[in-house]
């Protein structure tokens, strides 16, 4: 319908234009054109319209149909791409929110683990301090006991030396005889 309207308007405009040109010539005072020339222009125009309609109309129709199909396809792809982009944006927003939640959870877990490790280190340090106190007291007791033992050994050695010296000075052969007899008597008594 639109096509026919456009063709009709074009044909009428072309038919009236020579009349307007002729009317302009008349106003200028020049010669008046003949009806035969007008008829020639009208027939020429109708042949031109027929040739355009017969040969160019299908090509033009096909061009506009193809162009319309191409535009619809492009529009469909654009809508599909927009929907896909919107879906990806929604997924990205969901992931972002999920990442924020995961980040908060990880941060809380790290804080809890840090507190646990700090407490564990403090407990180990306290146990080490207690062990050191125990080791120090055991070491000092052992050192004191070793010192006392050395002092006793020294005293025993000094006492033995003094006793040997005393015995050597005041020990004579009768004392030696008496000691040997006492020793043999003890051995016989123990049998």
C-alpha atoms as a PDB file:
ATOM      1  CA  UNK A   1       0.000   0.000   0.000  1.00  0.00           C
ATOM      2  CA  UNK A   2       2.789   2.377   0.927  1.00  0.00           C
ATOM      3  CA  UNK A   3       4.663   1.458  -2.202  1.00  0.00           C
ATOM      4  CA  UNK A   4       1.717   2.325  -4.429  1.00  0.00           C
ATOM      5  CA  UNK A   5       1.211   5.640  -2.656  1.00  0.00           C
ATOM      6  CA  UNK A   6       4.837   6.633  -3.160  1.00  0.00           C
ATOM      7  CA  UNK A   7       4.736   5.705  -6.843  1.00  0.00           C
ATOM      8  CA  UNK A   8       1.475   7.642  -7.357  1.00  0.00           C
ATOM      9  CA  UNK A   9       2.786  10.771  -5.648  1.00  0.00           C
ATOM     10  CA  UNK A  10       5.987  10.609  -7.690  1.00  0.00           C
ATOM     11  CA  UNK A  11       4.065  10.211 -10.969  1.00  0.00           C
ATOM     12  CA  UNK A  12       1.701  13.092 -10.217  1.00  0.00           C
ATOM     13  CA  UNK A  13       4.595  15.347  -9.157  1.00  0.00           C
ATOM     14  CA  UNK A  14       6.487  14.571 -12.357  1.00  0.00           C
ATOM     15  CA  UNK A  15       3.396  15.185 -14.445  1.00  0.00           C
ATOM     16  CA  UNK A  16       2.749  18.546 -12.801  1.00  0.00           C
ATOM     17  CA  UNK A  17       6.326  19.803 -12.887  1.00  0.00           C
ATOM     18  CA  UNK A  18       6.413  20.419 -16.633  1.00  0.00           C
ATOM     19  CA  UNK A  19       3.166  22.344 -16.246  1.00  0.00           C
ATOM     20  CA  UNK A  20       4.793  24.464 -13.528  1.00  0.00           C
ATOM     21  CA  UNK A  21       7.796  25.042 -15.776  1.00  0.00           C
ATOM     22  CA  UNK A  22       5.448  26.054 -18.594  1.00  0.00           C
ATOM     23  CA  UNK A  23       3.518  28.342 -16.256  1.00  0.00           C
ATOM     24  CA  UNK A  24       6.757  30.002 -15.228  1.00  0.00           C
ATOM     25  CA  UNK A  25       7.684  30.508 -18.845  1.00  0.00           C
ATOM     26  CA  UNK A  26       4.307  32.118 -19.560  1.00  0.00           C
ATOM     27  CA  UNK A  27       4.788  34.541 -16.737  1.00  0.00           C
ATOM     28  CA  UNK A  28       8.136  35.488 -18.192  1.00  0.00           C
ATOM     29  CA  UNK A  29       6.462  36.447 -21.455  1.00  0.00           C
ATOM     30  CA  UNK A  30       8.170  33.854 -23.588  1.00  0.00           C
ATOM     31  CA  UNK A  31       6.627  31.477 -26.055  1.00  0.00           C
ATOM     32  CA  UNK A  32       4.135  29.031 -24.935  1.00  0.00           C
ATOM     33  CA  UNK A  33       5.029  25.294 -25.191  1.00  0.00           C
ATOM     34  CA  UNK A  34       2.980  22.833 -27.148  1.00  0.00           C
ATOM     35  CA  UNK A  35       0.788  20.126 -25.890  1.00  0.00           C
ATOM     36  CA  UNK A  36       2.720  17.683 -27.924  1.00  0.00           C
ATOM     37  CA  UNK A  37       5.929  18.392 -25.955  1.00  0.00           C
ATOM     38  CA  UNK A  38       3.989  17.983 -22.726  1.00  0.00           C
ATOM     39  CA  UNK A  39       2.577  14.692 -23.934  1.00  0.00           C
ATOM     40  CA  UNK A  40       6.083  13.605 -24.956  1.00  0.00           C
ATOM     41  CA  UNK A  41       7.401  14.404 -21.452  1.00  0.00           C
ATOM     42  CA  UNK A  42       4.461  12.607 -19.820  1.00  0.00           C
ATOM     43  CA  UNK A  43       4.970   9.481 -21.954  1.00  0.00           C
ATOM     44  CA  UNK A  44       8.705   9.590 -21.285  1.00  0.00           C
ATOM     45  CA  UNK A  45       8.030   9.887 -17.579  1.00  0.00           C
ATOM     46  CA  UNK A  46       5.520   7.001 -17.628  1.00  0.00           C
ATOM     47  CA  UNK A  47       8.020   4.818 -19.501  1.00  0.00           C
ATOM     48  CA  UNK A  48      10.666   5.791 -16.938  1.00  0.00           C
ATOM     49  CA  UNK A  49       8.311   4.906 -14.075  1.00  0.00           C
ATOM     50  CA  UNK A  50       7.391   1.603 -15.750  1.00  0.00           C
ATOM     51  CA  UNK A  51      11.063   0.665 -16.266  1.00  0.00           C
ATOM     52  CA  UNK A  52      11.910   1.617 -12.685  1.00  0.00           C
ATOM     53  CA  UNK A  53       8.882  -0.307 -11.404  1.00  0.00           C
ATOM     54  CA  UNK A  54       9.526  -3.359 -13.577  1.00  0.00           C
ATOM     55  CA  UNK A  55      13.315  -3.645 -13.185  1.00  0.00           C
ATOM     56  CA  UNK A  56      14.300  -1.674 -10.101  1.00  0.00           C
ATOM     57  CA  UNK A  57      11.288  -2.305  -7.839  1.00  0.00           C
ATOM     58  CA  UNK A  58      12.087  -6.018  -7.214  1.00  0.00           C
ATOM     59  CA  UNK A  59      15.755  -5.190  -6.530  1.00  0.00           C
ATOM     60  CA  UNK A  60      14.805  -2.291  -4.283  1.00  0.00           C
ATOM     61  CA  UNK A  61      12.161  -4.452  -2.581  1.00  0.00           C
ATOM     62  CA  UNK A  62      14.676  -7.230  -2.100  1.00  0.00           C
ATOM     63  CA  UNK A  63      17.269  -4.737  -0.811  1.00  0.00           C
ATOM     64  CA  UNK A  64      14.840  -3.292   1.747  1.00  0.00           C
ATOM     65  CA  UNK A  65      13.573  -6.778   2.712  1.00  0.00           C
ATOM     66  CA  UNK A  66      17.153  -7.991   3.167  1.00  0.00           C
ATOM     67  CA  UNK A  67      18.050  -4.839   5.032  1.00  0.00           C
ATOM     68  CA  UNK A  68      14.974  -5.268   7.259  1.00  0.00           C
ATOM     69  CA  UNK A  69      15.923  -8.895   7.942  1.00  0.00           C
ATOM     70  CA  UNK A  70      19.506  -7.838   8.659  1.00  0.00           C
ATOM     71  CA  UNK A  71      18.331  -5.077  11.016  1.00  0.00           C
ATOM     72  CA  UNK A  72      15.970  -7.518  12.786  1.00  0.00           C
ATOM     73  CA  UNK A  73      18.815 -10.049  13.110  1.00  0.00           C
ATOM     74  CA  UNK A  74      21.181  -7.386  14.420  1.00  0.00           C
ATOM     75  CA  UNK A  75      18.503  -6.178  16.832  1.00  0.00           C
ATOM     76  CA  UNK A  76      17.854  -9.758  17.954  1.00  0.00           C
ATOM     77  CA  UNK A  77      21.583 -10.367  18.485  1.00  0.00           C
ATOM     78  CA  UNK A  78      21.895  -7.060  20.305  1.00  0.00           C
ATOM     79  CA  UNK A  79      18.972  -7.970  22.582  1.00  0.00           C
ATOM     80  CA  UNK A  80      20.495 -11.403  23.136  1.00  0.00           C
ATOM     81  CA  UNK A  81      23.894  -9.850  23.900  1.00  0.00           C
ATOM     82  CA  UNK A  82      22.232  -7.339  26.212  1.00  0.00           C
ATOM     83  CA  UNK A  83      20.378 -10.117  28.045  1.00  0.00           C
ATOM     84  CA  UNK A  84      23.612 -12.094  28.309  1.00  0.00           C
ATOM     85  CA  UNK A  85      25.499  -9.031  29.536  1.00  0.00           C
ATOM     86  CA  UNK A  86      22.742  -8.351  32.060  1.00  0.00           C
ATOM     87  CA  UNK A  87      22.937 -11.971  33.217  1.00  0.00           C
ATOM     88  CA  UNK A  88      26.724 -11.729  33.526  1.00  0.00           C
ATOM     89  CA  UNK A  89      26.383  -8.456  35.433  1.00  0.00           C
ATOM     90  CA  UNK A  90      23.902 -10.094  37.826  1.00  0.00           C
ATOM     91  CA  UNK A  91      26.236 -13.080  38.285  1.00  0.00           C
ATOM     92  CA  UNK A  92      29.181 -10.732  38.845  1.00  0.00           C
ATOM     93  CA  UNK A  93      27.187  -8.797  41.449  1.00  0.00           C
ATOM     94  CA  UNK A  94      26.225 -12.069  43.151  1.00  0.00           C
ATOM     95  CA  UNK A  95      29.852 -13.216  43.094  1.00  0.00           C
ATOM     96  CA  UNK A  96      30.973  -9.869  44.441  1.00  0.00           C
ATOM     97  CA  UNK A  97      28.493 -10.143  47.302  1.00  0.00           C
ATOM     98  CA  UNK A  98      29.577 -13.740  47.840  1.00  0.00           C
ATOM     99  CA  UNK A  99      33.230 -12.690  47.813  1.00  0.00           C
ATOM    100  CA  UNK A 100      32.497 -10.012  50.398  1.00  0.00           C
ATOM    101  CA  UNK A 101      30.875 -12.665  52.601  1.00  0.00           C
ATOM    102  CA  UNK A 102      33.779 -15.051  52.048  1.00  0.00           C
ATOM    103  CA  UNK A 103      36.249 -12.260  52.801  1.00  0.00           C
ATOM    104  CA  UNK A 104      34.480 -11.479  56.074  1.00  0.00           C
ATOM    105  CA  UNK A 105      34.397 -15.193  56.962  1.00  0.00           C
ATOM    106  CA  UNK A 106      38.088 -15.611  56.117  1.00  0.00           C
ATOM    107  CA  UNK A 107      38.988 -12.533  58.121  1.00  0.00           C
ATOM    108  CA  UNK A 108      37.083 -13.880  61.133  1.00  0.00           C
ATOM    109  CA  UNK A 109      38.727 -17.302  60.754  1.00  0.00           C
ATOM    110  CA  UNK A 110      42.171 -15.688  60.528  1.00  0.00           C
ATOM    111  CA  UNK A 111      41.484 -13.624  63.646  1.00  0.00           C
ATOM    112  CA  UNK A 112      40.298 -16.730  65.518  1.00  0.00           C
ATOM    113  CA  UNK A 113      43.335 -18.720  64.345  1.00  0.00           C
ATOM    114  CA  UNK A 114      45.638 -15.848  65.319  1.00  0.00           C
ATOM    115  CA  UNK A 115      44.117 -15.690  68.798  1.00  0.00           C
ATOM    116  CA  UNK A 116      44.443 -19.470  69.103  1.00  0.00           C
ATOM    117  CA  UNK A 117      48.100 -19.381  68.008  1.00  0.00           C
ATOM    118  CA  UNK A 118      48.879 -16.464  70.362  1.00  0.00           C
ATOM    119  CA  UNK A 119      47.275 -18.369  73.260  1.00  0.00           C
ATOM    120  CA  UNK A 120      49.167 -21.514  72.278  1.00  0.00           C
ATOM    121  CA  UNK A 121      52.474 -19.595  72.124  1.00  0.00           C
ATOM    122  CA  UNK A 122      51.726 -17.976  75.490  1.00  0.00           C
ATOM    123  CA  UNK A 123      50.989 -21.422  76.993  1.00  0.00           C
ATOM    124  CA  UNK A 124      54.199 -22.863  75.536  1.00  0.00           C
ATOM    125  CA  UNK A 125      56.157 -19.853  76.842  1.00  0.00           C
ATOM    126  CA  UNK A 126      54.599 -20.265  80.303  1.00  0.00           C
ATOM    127  CA  UNK A 127      55.458 -23.985  80.284  1.00  0.00           C
ATOM    128  CA  UNK A 128      59.021 -23.122  79.209  1.00  0.00           C
ATOM    129  CA  UNK A 129      59.300 -20.584  82.038  1.00  0.00           C
ATOM    130  CA  UNK A 130      58.044 -23.148  84.537  1.00  0.00           C
ATOM    131  CA  UNK A 131      60.450 -25.742  83.124  1.00  0.00           C
ATOM    132  CA  UNK A 132      63.296 -23.245  83.408  1.00  0.00           C
ATOM    133  CA  UNK A 133      62.361 -22.533  87.038  1.00  0.00           C
ATOM    134  CA  UNK A 134      62.306 -26.265  87.730  1.00  0.00           C
ATOM    135  CA  UNK A 135      65.595 -26.785  85.891  1.00  0.00           C
ATOM    136  CA  UNK A 136      67.208 -23.880  87.757  1.00  0.00           C
ATOM    137  CA  UNK A 137      66.075 -25.187  91.133  1.00  0.00           C
ATOM    138  CA  UNK A 138      67.178 -28.758  90.259  1.00  0.00           C
ATOM    139  CA  UNK A 139      70.496 -27.511  88.946  1.00  0.00           C
ATOM    140  CA  UNK A 140      71.119 -25.335  91.970  1.00  0.00           C
ATOM    141  CA  UNK A 141      70.191 -28.241  94.274  1.00  0.00           C
ATOM    142  CA  UNK A 142      72.486 -30.570  92.314  1.00  0.00           C
ATOM    143  CA  UNK A 143      75.295 -28.001  92.409  1.00  0.00           C
ATOM    144  CA  UNK A 144      74.818 -27.514  96.143  1.00  0.00           C
ATOM    145  CA  UNK A 145      74.816 -31.268  96.728  1.00  0.00           C
ATOM    146  CA  UNK A 146      77.889 -31.703  94.516  1.00  0.00           C
ATOM    147  CA  UNK A 147      79.608 -28.907  96.419  1.00  0.00           C
ATOM    148  CA  UNK A 148      78.747 -30.536  99.731  1.00  0.00           C
ATOM    149  CA  UNK A 149      79.990 -33.902  98.459  1.00  0.00           C
ATOM    150  CA  UNK A 150      83.279 -32.335  97.364  1.00  0.00           C
ATOM    151  CA  UNK A 151      83.629 -30.638 100.718  1.00  0.00           C
ATOM    152  CA  UNK A 152      82.952 -33.968 102.490  1.00  0.00           C
ATOM    153  CA  UNK A 153      85.418 -35.757 100.221  1.00  0.00           C
ATOM    154  CA  UNK A 154      88.007 -33.089 100.929  1.00  0.00           C
ATOM    155  CA  UNK A 155      87.297 -33.348 104.647  1.00  0.00           C
ATOM    156  CA  UNK A 156      87.524 -37.143 104.463  1.00  0.00           C
ATOM    157  CA  UNK A 157      90.792 -36.935 102.549  1.00  0.00           C
ATOM    158  CA  UNK A 158      92.223 -34.406 104.997  1.00  0.00           C
ATOM    159  CA  UNK A 159      90.996 -36.500 107.923  1.00  0.00           C
ATOM    160  CA  UNK A 160      92.490 -39.672 106.404  1.00  0.00           C
ATOM    161  CA  UNK A 161      95.818 -37.883 105.878  1.00  0.00           C
ATOM    162  CA  UNK A 162      95.802 -36.588 109.422  1.00  0.00           C
ATOM    163  CA  UNK A 163      94.847 -40.005 110.731  1.00  0.00           C
ATOM    164  CA  UNK A 164      97.582 -41.682 108.687  1.00  0.00           C
ATOM    165  CA  UNK A 165     100.072 -39.153 109.914  1.00  0.00           C
ATOM    166  CA  UNK A 166      98.932 -39.672 113.505  1.00  0.00           C
ATOM    167  CA  UNK A 167      98.960 -43.412 113.124  1.00  0.00           C
ATOM    168  CA  UNK A 168     102.351 -43.348 111.469  1.00  0.00           C
ATOM    169  CA  UNK A 169     103.785 -41.280 114.313  1.00  0.00           C
ATOM    170  CA  UNK A 170     102.232 -43.145 117.183  1.00  0.00           C
ATOM    171  CA  UNK A 171     101.686 -46.624 115.673  1.00  0.00           C
ATOM    172  CA  UNK A 172     104.286 -49.110 116.743  1.00  0.00           C
ATOM    173  CA  UNK A 173     104.818 -52.833 116.179  1.00  0.00           C
ATOM    174  CA  UNK A 174     102.692 -53.972 119.146  1.00  0.00           C
ATOM    175  CA  UNK A 175      99.736 -51.964 117.839  1.00  0.00           C
ATOM    176  CA  UNK A 176     100.254 -53.486 114.462  1.00  0.00           C
ATOM    177  CA  UNK A 177     100.345 -56.999 115.956  1.00  0.00           C
ATOM    178  CA  UNK A 178      97.139 -56.336 117.874  1.00  0.00           C
ATOM    179  CA  UNK A 179      95.354 -55.040 114.754  1.00  0.00           C
ATOM    180  CA  UNK A 180      96.276 -58.068 112.673  1.00  0.00           C
ATOM    181  CA  UNK A 181      95.039 -60.377 115.431  1.00  0.00           C
ATOM    182  CA  UNK A 182      91.746 -58.504 115.742  1.00  0.00           C
ATOM    183  CA  UNK A 183      91.323 -58.695 112.004  1.00  0.00           C
ATOM    184  CA  UNK A 184      91.937 -62.417 111.858  1.00  0.00           C
ATOM    185  CA  UNK A 185      89.588 -63.015 114.755  1.00  0.00           C
ATOM    186  CA  UNK A 186      86.841 -61.128 112.954  1.00  0.00           C
ATOM    187  CA  UNK A 187      87.386 -63.142 109.817  1.00  0.00           C
ATOM    188  CA  UNK A 188      87.187 -66.375 111.725  1.00  0.00           C
ATOM    189  CA  UNK A 189      84.090 -65.205 113.561  1.00  0.00           C
ATOM    190  CA  UNK A 190      82.313 -64.364 110.315  1.00  0.00           C
ATOM    191  CA  UNK A 191      82.812 -67.799 108.866  1.00  0.00           C
END
